[in-house]
Amino acid sequence: MTRQLTDQLGDLISEGALAIGSLLPSERTLANSLGVARNVVRGSYEYLEKAGIVQREGRKGRRVRAKTSKKTAPRKTVKKATKKR
């Protein structure tokens, strides 16, 4: 059930039905409107947070994050050992 809700919310966000920066409904509100348990909504929101799609703003709720480009990890420069003469 959690996965289904996560997929649906992800689709709404990717299609633009939930705009970047828009506030998501509270866990209780969404659970009541869908007729599911609150922990289903919580699990879905947590998954979306870990995926970087949604960000939590404390007691204000959760917002849709802007798409961030995947940053490449900085390359480590390897010093070549110099030969002793």
PDB file of N, CA and C in Angstrom:
ATOM      1  N   MET A   1       0.824  -1.192   0.000  1.00  0.00           N
ATOM      2  CA  MET A   1       0.000   0.000   0.000  1.00  0.00           C
ATOM      3  C   MET A   1       0.874   1.265   0.000  1.00  0.00           C
ATOM      4  N   THR A   2       1.930   1.223   0.818  1.00  0.00           N
ATOM      5  CA  THR A   2       2.837   2.367   0.888  1.00  0.00           C
ATOM      6  C   THR A   2       3.494   2.602  -0.466  1.00  0.00           C
ATOM      7  N   ARG A   3       3.903   1.525  -1.106  1.00  0.00           N
ATOM      8  CA  ARG A   3       4.568   1.634  -2.407  1.00  0.00           C
ATOM      9  C   ARG A   3       3.631   2.223  -3.459  1.00  0.00           C
ATOM     10  N   GLN A   4       2.371   1.824  -3.423  1.00  0.00           N
ATOM     11  CA  GLN A   4       1.399   2.354  -4.383  1.00  0.00           C
ATOM     12  C   GLN A   4       1.240   3.860  -4.214  1.00  0.00           C
ATOM     13  N   LEU A   5       1.131   4.292  -2.965  1.00  0.00           N
ATOM     14  CA  LEU A   5       0.979   5.718  -2.693  1.00  0.00           C
ATOM     15  C   LEU A   5       2.243   6.482  -3.101  1.00  0.00           C
ATOM     16  N   THR A   6       3.394   5.901  -2.818  1.00  0.00           N
ATOM     17  CA  THR A   6       4.659   6.525  -3.202  1.00  0.00           C
ATOM     18  C   THR A   6       4.732   6.698  -4.712  1.00  0.00           C
ATOM     19  N   ASP A   7       4.363   5.658  -5.444  1.00  0.00           N
ATOM     20  CA  ASP A   7       4.378   5.730  -6.905  1.00  0.00           C
ATOM     21  C   ASP A   7       3.418   6.801  -7.425  1.00  0.00           C
ATOM     22  N   GLN A   8       2.231   6.864  -6.840  1.00  0.00           N
ATOM     23  CA  GLN A   8       1.245   7.851  -7.278  1.00  0.00           C
ATOM     24  C   GLN A   8       1.712   9.276  -6.995  1.00  0.00           C
ATOM     25  N   LEU A   9       2.258   9.498  -5.811  1.00  0.00           N
ATOM     26  CA  LEU A   9       2.757  10.829  -5.480  1.00  0.00           C
ATOM     27  C   LEU A   9       3.945  11.198  -6.370  1.00  0.00           C
ATOM     28  N   GLY A  10       4.827  10.236  -6.599  1.00  0.00           N
ATOM     29  CA  GLY A  10       5.970  10.475  -7.480  1.00  0.00           C
ATOM     30  C   GLY A  10       5.532  10.842  -8.884  1.00  0.00           C
ATOM     31  N   ASP A  11       4.496  10.166  -9.378  1.00  0.00           N
ATOM     32  CA  ASP A  11       3.970  10.480 -10.710  1.00  0.00           C
ATOM     33  C   ASP A  11       3.367  11.881 -10.755  1.00  0.00           C
ATOM     34  N   LEU A  12       2.619  12.239  -9.715  1.00  0.00           N
ATOM     35  CA  LEU A  12       2.011  13.572  -9.661  1.00  0.00           C
ATOM     36  C   LEU A  12       3.088  14.662  -9.654  1.00  0.00           C
ATOM     37  N   ILE A  13       4.168  14.401  -8.935  1.00  0.00           N
ATOM     38  CA  ILE A  13       5.251  15.381  -8.858  1.00  0.00           C
ATOM     39  C   ILE A  13       5.974  15.478 -10.198  1.00  0.00           C
ATOM     40  N   SER A  14       6.284  14.326 -10.797  1.00  0.00           N
ATOM     41  CA  SER A  14       7.028  14.349 -12.064  1.00  0.00           C
ATOM     42  C   SER A  14       6.201  14.926 -13.211  1.00  0.00           C
ATOM     43  N   GLU A  15       4.880  14.769 -13.157  1.00  0.00           N
ATOM     44  CA  GLU A  15       4.012  15.317 -14.194  1.00  0.00           C
ATOM     45  C   GLU A  15       3.721  16.797 -13.992  1.00  0.00           C
ATOM     46  N   GLY A  16       4.071  17.323 -12.818  1.00  0.00           N
ATOM     47  CA  GLY A  16       3.840  18.736 -12.535  1.00  0.00           C
ATOM     48  C   GLY A  16       2.516  19.039 -11.883  1.00  0.00           C
ATOM     49  N   ALA A  17       1.734  18.007 -11.558  1.00  0.00           N
ATOM     50  CA  ALA A  17       0.462  18.241 -10.884  1.00  0.00           C
ATOM     51  C   ALA A  17       0.703  18.778  -9.470  1.00  0.00           C
ATOM     52  N   LEU A  18       1.805  18.366  -8.865  1.00  0.00           N
ATOM     53  CA  LEU A  18       2.251  18.953  -7.600  1.00  0.00           C
ATOM     54  C   LEU A  18       3.489  19.776  -7.929  1.00  0.00           C
ATOM     55  N   ALA A  19       3.340  21.080  -7.891  1.00  0.00           N
ATOM     56  CA  ALA A  19       4.406  21.976  -8.328  1.00  0.00           C
ATOM     57  C   ALA A  19       5.558  22.010  -7.328  1.00  0.00           C
ATOM     58  N   ILE A  20       6.721  22.370  -7.832  1.00  0.00           N
ATOM     59  CA  ILE A  20       7.896  22.513  -6.980  1.00  0.00           C
ATOM     60  C   ILE A  20       7.612  23.596  -5.944  1.00  0.00           C
ATOM     61  N   GLY A  21       7.895  23.283  -4.697  1.00  0.00           N
ATOM     62  CA  GLY A  21       7.663  24.223  -3.610  1.00  0.00           C
ATOM     63  C   GLY A  21       6.289  24.129  -2.989  1.00  0.00           C
ATOM     64  N   SER A  22       5.399  23.337  -3.600  1.00  0.00           N
ATOM     65  CA  SER A  22       4.053  23.228  -3.039  1.00  0.00           C
ATOM     66  C   SER A  22       4.073  22.356  -1.786  1.00  0.00           C
ATOM     67  N   LEU A  23       3.222  22.706  -0.863  1.00  0.00           N
ATOM     68  CA  LEU A  23       3.123  22.004   0.413  1.00  0.00           C
ATOM     69  C   LEU A  23       2.254  20.767   0.234  1.00  0.00           C
ATOM     70  N   LEU A  24       2.741  19.630   0.703  1.00  0.00           N
ATOM     71  CA  LEU A  24       1.952  18.398   0.636  1.00  0.00           C
ATOM     72  C   LEU A  24       0.944  18.385   1.777  1.00  0.00           C
ATOM     73  N   PRO A  25      -0.159  17.659   1.616  1.00  0.00           N
ATOM     74  CA  PRO A  25      -1.132  17.568   2.701  1.00  0.00           C
ATOM     75  C   PRO A  25      -0.507  16.884   3.919  1.00  0.00           C
ATOM     76  N   SER A  26      -1.021  17.181   5.083  1.00  0.00           N
ATOM     77  CA  SER A  26      -0.515  16.534   6.285  1.00  0.00           C
ATOM     78  C   SER A  26      -0.796  15.036   6.213  1.00  0.00           C
ATOM     79  N   GLU A  27      -0.067  14.276   6.996  1.00  0.00           N
ATOM     80  CA  GLU A  27      -0.264  12.817   7.012  1.00  0.00           C
ATOM     81  C   GLU A  27      -1.707  12.477   7.341  1.00  0.00           C
ATOM     82  N   ARG A  28      -2.233  13.129   8.346  1.00  0.00           N
ATOM     83  CA  ARG A  28      -3.598  12.843   8.797  1.00  0.00           C
ATOM     84  C   ARG A  28      -4.617  13.196   7.724  1.00  0.00           C
ATOM     85  N   THR A  29      -4.470  14.351   7.105  1.00  0.00           N
ATOM     86  CA  THR A  29      -5.421  14.794   6.075  1.00  0.00           C
ATOM     87  C   THR A  29      -5.427  13.839   4.888  1.00  0.00           C
ATOM     88  N   LEU A  30      -4.232  13.496   4.398  1.00  0.00           N
ATOM     89  CA  LEU A  30      -4.154  12.608   3.238  1.00  0.00           C
ATOM     90  C   LEU A  30      -4.659  11.209   3.579  1.00  0.00           C
ATOM     91  N   ALA A  31      -4.317  10.715   4.760  1.00  0.00           N
ATOM     92  CA  ALA A  31      -4.777   9.387   5.171  1.00  0.00           C
ATOM     93  C   ALA A  31      -6.298   9.332   5.254  1.00  0.00           C
ATOM     94  N   ASN A  32      -6.904  10.363   5.828  1.00  0.00           N
ATOM     95  CA  ASN A  32      -8.368  10.398   5.930  1.00  0.00           C
ATOM     96  C   ASN A  32      -9.028  10.491   4.558  1.00  0.00           C
ATOM     97  N   SER A  33      -8.464  11.294   3.666  1.00  0.00           N
ATOM     98  CA  SER A  33      -9.092  11.446   2.356  1.00  0.00           C
ATOM     99  C   SER A  33      -8.947  10.192   1.501  1.00  0.00           C
ATOM    100  N   LEU A  34      -7.858   9.430   1.699  1.00  0.00           N
ATOM    101  CA  LEU A  34      -7.657   8.200   0.932  1.00  0.00           C
ATOM    102  C   LEU A  34      -8.239   6.967   1.617  1.00  0.00           C
ATOM    103  N   GLY A  35      -8.568   7.103   2.891  1.00  0.00           N
ATOM    104  CA  GLY A  35      -9.108   5.968   3.638  1.00  0.00           C
ATOM    105  C   GLY A  35      -8.058   4.919   3.957  1.00  0.00           C
ATOM    106  N   VAL A  36      -6.831   5.382   4.206  1.00  0.00           N
ATOM    107  CA  VAL A  36      -5.750   4.461   4.575  1.00  0.00           C
ATOM    108  C   VAL A  36      -5.225   4.839   5.953  1.00  0.00           C
ATOM    109  N   ALA A  37      -4.412   3.957   6.513  1.00  0.00           N
ATOM    110  CA  ALA A  37      -3.820   4.238   7.807  1.00  0.00           C
ATOM    111  C   ALA A  37      -2.755   5.328   7.674  1.00  0.00           C
ATOM    112  N   ARG A  38      -2.580   6.079   8.733  1.00  0.00           N
ATOM    113  CA  ARG A  38      -1.637   7.195   8.701  1.00  0.00           C
ATOM    114  C   ARG A  38      -0.198   6.727   8.489  1.00  0.00           C
ATOM    115  N   ASN A  39       0.148   5.552   9.004  1.00  0.00           N
ATOM    116  CA  ASN A  39       1.517   5.067   8.835  1.00  0.00           C
ATOM    117  C   ASN A  39       1.821   4.741   7.370  1.00  0.00           C
ATOM    118  N   VAL A  40       0.813   4.489   6.559  1.00  0.00           N
ATOM    119  CA  VAL A  40       1.016   4.269   5.123  1.00  0.00           C
ATOM    120  C   VAL A  40       1.488   5.579   4.479  1.00  0.00           C
ATOM    121  N   VAL A  41       0.828   6.670   4.826  1.00  0.00           N
ATOM    122  CA  VAL A  41       1.203   7.975   4.292  1.00  0.00           C
ATOM    123  C   VAL A  41       2.583   8.370   4.812  1.00  0.00           C
ATOM    124  N   ARG A  42       2.819   8.140   6.094  1.00  0.00           N
ATOM    125  CA  ARG A  42       4.121   8.482   6.677  1.00  0.00           C
ATOM    126  C   ARG A  42       5.249   7.731   5.976  1.00  0.00           C
ATOM    127  N   GLY A  43       5.059   6.451   5.742  1.00  0.00           N
ATOM    128  CA  GLY A  43       6.069   5.649   5.060  1.00  0.00           C
ATOM    129  C   GLY A  43       6.335   6.154   3.652  1.00  0.00           C
ATOM    130  N   SER A  44       5.294   6.544   2.977  1.00  0.00           N
ATOM    131  CA  SER A  44       5.437   7.066   1.622  1.00  0.00           C
ATOM    132  C   SER A  44       6.199   8.388   1.631  1.00  0.00           C
ATOM    133  N   TYR A  45       5.842   9.274   2.533  1.00  0.00           N
ATOM    134  CA  TYR A  45       6.536  10.559   2.645  1.00  0.00           C
ATOM    135  C   TYR A  45       8.007  10.356   2.998  1.00  0.00           C
ATOM    136  N   GLU A  46       8.293   9.436   3.898  1.00  0.00           N
ATOM    137  CA  GLU A  46       9.679   9.173   4.285  1.00  0.00           C
ATOM    138  C   GLU A  46      10.485   8.631   3.108  1.00  0.00           C
ATOM    139  N   TYR A  47       9.877   7.770   2.327  1.00  0.00           N
ATOM    140  CA  TYR A  47      10.564   7.239   1.150  1.00  0.00           C
ATOM    141  C   TYR A  47      10.883   8.365   0.162  1.00  0.00           C
ATOM    142  N   LEU A  48       9.921   9.256  -0.055  1.00  0.00           N
ATOM    143  CA  LEU A  48      10.127  10.371  -0.967  1.00  0.00           C
ATOM    144  C   LEU A  48      11.190  11.341  -0.440  1.00  0.00           C
ATOM    145  N   GLU A  49      11.257  11.482   0.888  1.00  0.00           N
ATOM    146  CA  GLU A  49      12.305  12.320   1.485  1.00  0.00           C
ATOM    147  C   GLU A  49      13.677  11.715   1.217  1.00  0.00           C
ATOM    148  N   LYS A  50      13.812  10.418   1.439  1.00  0.00           N
ATOM    149  CA  LYS A  50      15.096   9.751   1.221  1.00  0.00           C
ATOM    150  C   LYS A  50      15.509   9.798  -0.242  1.00  0.00           C
ATOM    151  N   ALA A  51      14.528   9.799  -1.127  1.00  0.00           N
ATOM    152  CA  ALA A  51      14.816   9.869  -2.564  1.00  0.00           C
ATOM    153  C   ALA A  51      15.140  11.293  -3.002  1.00  0.00           C
ATOM    154  N   GLY A  52      14.954  12.268  -2.112  1.00  0.00           N
ATOM    155  CA  GLY A  52      15.271  13.648  -2.438  1.00  0.00           C
ATOM    156  C   GLY A  52      14.187  14.362  -3.222  1.00  0.00           C
ATOM    157  N   ILE A  53      12.997  13.811  -3.251  1.00  0.00           N
ATOM    158  CA  ILE A  53      11.898  14.402  -4.009  1.00  0.00           C
ATOM    159  C   ILE A  53      11.126  15.401  -3.157  1.00  0.00           C
ATOM    160  N   VAL A  54      11.078  15.122  -1.866  1.00  0.00           N
ATOM    161  CA  VAL A  54      10.317  15.927  -0.915  1.00  0.00           C
ATOM    162  C   VAL A  54      11.255  16.325   0.221  1.00  0.00           C
ATOM    163  N   GLN A  55      11.037  17.510   0.777  1.00  0.00           N
ATOM    164  CA  GLN A  55      11.833  17.900   1.941  1.00  0.00           C
ATOM    165  C   GLN A  55      10.915  18.257   3.090  1.00  0.00           C
ATOM    166  N   ARG A  56      11.342  17.919   4.277  1.00  0.00           N
ATOM    167  CA  ARG A  56      10.562  18.186   5.478  1.00  0.00           C
ATOM    168  C   ARG A  56      10.953  19.542   6.019  1.00  0.00           C
ATOM    169  N   GLU A  57       9.966  20.285   6.461  1.00  0.00           N
ATOM    170  CA  GLU A  57      10.202  21.609   7.025  1.00  0.00           C
ATOM    171  C   GLU A  57       9.659  21.685   8.440  1.00  0.00           C
ATOM    172  N   GLY A  58      10.064  20.734   9.253  1.00  0.00           N
ATOM    173  CA  GLY A  58       9.632  20.727  10.654  1.00  0.00           C
ATOM    174  C   GLY A  58       8.131  20.608  10.785  1.00  0.00           C
ATOM    175  N   ARG A  59       7.564  21.459  11.626  1.00  0.00           N
ATOM    176  CA  ARG A  59       6.118  21.403  11.867  1.00  0.00           C
ATOM    177  C   ARG A  59       5.312  22.004  10.721  1.00  0.00           C
ATOM    178  N   LYS A  60       5.969  22.681   9.805  1.00  0.00           N
ATOM    179  CA  LYS A  60       5.255  23.260   8.661  1.00  0.00           C
ATOM    180  C   LYS A  60       4.741  22.186   7.720  1.00  0.00           C
ATOM    181  N   GLY A  61       5.439  21.075   7.655  1.00  0.00           N
ATOM    182  CA  GLY A  61       5.031  19.997   6.761  1.00  0.00           C
ATOM    183  C   GLY A  61       6.127  19.642   5.779  1.00  0.00           C
ATOM    184  N   ARG A  62       5.720  19.146   4.642  1.00  0.00           N
ATOM    185  CA  ARG A  62       6.668  18.723   3.619  1.00  0.00           C
ATOM    186  C   ARG A  62       6.380  19.451   2.309  1.00  0.00           C
ATOM    187  N   ARG A  63       7.448  19.783   1.605  1.00  0.00           N
ATOM    188  CA  ARG A  63       7.336  20.477   0.330  1.00  0.00           C
ATOM    189  C   ARG A  63       8.016  19.671  -0.763  1.00  0.00           C
ATOM    190  N   VAL A  64       7.552  19.895  -1.990  1.00  0.00           N
ATOM    191  CA  VAL A  64       8.162  19.273  -3.157  1.00  0.00           C
ATOM    192  C   VAL A  64       9.471  20.015  -3.424  1.00  0.00           C
ATOM    193  N   ARG A  65      10.551  19.266  -3.538  1.00  0.00           N
ATOM    194  CA  ARG A  65      11.868  19.860  -3.786  1.00  0.00           C
ATOM    195  C   ARG A  65      12.077  20.110  -5.267  1.00  0.00           C
ATOM    196  N   ALA A  66      12.927  21.069  -5.537  1.00  0.00           N
ATOM    197  CA  ALA A  66      13.344  21.311  -6.922  1.00  0.00           C
ATOM    198  C   ALA A  66      14.245  20.166  -7.336  1.00  0.00           C
ATOM    199  N   LYS A  67      14.208  19.833  -8.603  1.00  0.00           N
ATOM    200  CA  LYS A  67      15.080  18.767  -9.093  1.00  0.00           C
ATOM    201  C   LYS A  67      16.513  19.249  -9.000  1.00  0.00           C
ATOM    202  N   THR A  68      17.330  18.447  -8.379  1.00  0.00           N
ATOM    203  CA  THR A  68      18.734  18.802  -8.272  1.00  0.00           C
ATOM    204  C   THR A  68      19.524  17.914  -9.202  1.00  0.00           C
ATOM    205  N   SER A  69      20.495  18.511  -9.835  1.00  0.00           N
ATOM    206  CA  SER A  69      21.319  17.701 -10.713  1.00  0.00           C
ATOM    207  C   SER A  69      22.228  16.844  -9.854  1.00  0.00           C
ATOM    208  N   LYS A  70      22.491  15.659 -10.324  1.00  0.00           N
ATOM    209  CA  LYS A  70      23.359  14.774  -9.568  1.00  0.00           C
ATOM    210  C   LYS A  70      24.779  15.302  -9.674  1.00  0.00           C
ATOM    211  N   LYS A  71      25.318  15.591  -8.522  1.00  0.00           N
ATOM    212  CA  LYS A  71      26.676  16.110  -8.501  1.00  0.00           C
ATOM    213  C   LYS A  71      27.641  14.943  -8.506  1.00  0.00           C
ATOM    214  N   THR A  72      28.673  15.102  -9.279  1.00  0.00           N
ATOM    215  CA  THR A  72      29.680  14.055  -9.279  1.00  0.00           C
ATOM    216  C   THR A  72      30.610  14.291  -8.108  1.00  0.00           C
ATOM    217  N   ALA A  73      31.082  13.225  -7.557  1.00  0.00           N
ATOM    218  CA  ALA A  73      31.992  13.326  -6.432  1.00  0.00           C
ATOM    219  C   ALA A  73      33.312  13.928  -6.908  1.00  0.00           C
ATOM    220  N   PRO A  74      33.891  14.772  -6.087  1.00  0.00           N
ATOM    221  CA  PRO A  74      35.164  15.348  -6.505  1.00  0.00           C
ATOM    222  C   PRO A  74      36.213  14.258  -6.661  1.00  0.00           C
ATOM    223  N   ARG A  75      37.003  14.425  -7.690  1.00  0.00           N
ATOM    224  CA  ARG A  75      38.023  13.416  -7.963  1.00  0.00           C
ATOM    225  C   ARG A  75      39.209  13.622  -7.039  1.00  0.00           C
ATOM    226  N   LYS A  76      39.707  12.526  -6.554  1.00  0.00           N
ATOM    227  CA  LYS A  76      40.891  12.592  -5.715  1.00  0.00           C
ATOM    228  C   LYS A  76      42.113  12.562  -6.616  1.00  0.00           C
ATOM    229  N   THR A  77      43.019  13.447  -6.335  1.00  0.00           N
ATOM    230  CA  THR A  77      44.247  13.436  -7.115  1.00  0.00           C
ATOM    231  C   THR A  77      45.234  12.516  -6.409  1.00  0.00           C
ATOM    232  N   VAL A  78      45.819  11.691  -7.170  1.00  0.00           N
ATOM    233  CA  VAL A  78      46.765  10.730  -6.624  1.00  0.00           C
ATOM    234  C   VAL A  78      48.165  11.203  -6.964  1.00  0.00           C
ATOM    235  N   LYS A  79      48.951  11.337  -5.920  1.00  0.00           N
ATOM    236  CA  LYS A  79      50.331  11.746  -6.160  1.00  0.00           C
ATOM    237  C   LYS A  79      51.136  10.526  -6.551  1.00  0.00           C
ATOM    238  N   LYS A  80      51.866  10.686  -7.596  1.00  0.00           N
ATOM    239  CA  LYS A  80      52.717   9.580  -8.019  1.00  0.00           C
ATOM    240  C   LYS A  80      54.001   9.606  -7.191  1.00  0.00           C
ATOM    241  N   ALA A  81      54.404   8.449  -6.802  1.00  0.00           N
ATOM    242  CA  ALA A  81      55.609   8.343  -6.011  1.00  0.00           C
ATOM    243  C   ALA A  81      56.817   8.702  -6.887  1.00  0.00           C
ATOM    244  N   THR A  82      57.656   9.553  -6.351  1.00  0.00           N
ATOM    245  CA  THR A  82      58.858   9.910  -7.108  1.00  0.00           C
ATOM    246  C   THR A  82      59.960   8.921  -6.778  1.00  0.00           C
ATOM    247  N   LYS A  83      60.725   8.631  -7.759  1.00  0.00           N
ATOM    248  CA  LYS A  83      61.825   7.680  -7.560  1.00  0.00           C
ATOM    249  C   LYS A  83      62.994   8.390  -6.897  1.00  0.00           C
ATOM    250  N   LYS A  84      63.558   7.710  -5.935  1.00  0.00           N
ATOM    251  CA  LYS A  84      64.735   8.267  -5.263  1.00  0.00           C
ATOM    252  C   LYS A  84      65.957   7.944  -6.109  1.00  0.00           C
ATOM    253  N   ARG A  85      66.791   8.885  -6.245  1.00  0.00           N
ATOM    254  CA  ARG A  85      67.980   8.690  -7.071  1.00  0.00           C
ATOM    255  C   ARG A  85      69.200   8.487  -6.235  1.00  0.00           C
TER     256      ARG A  85
END
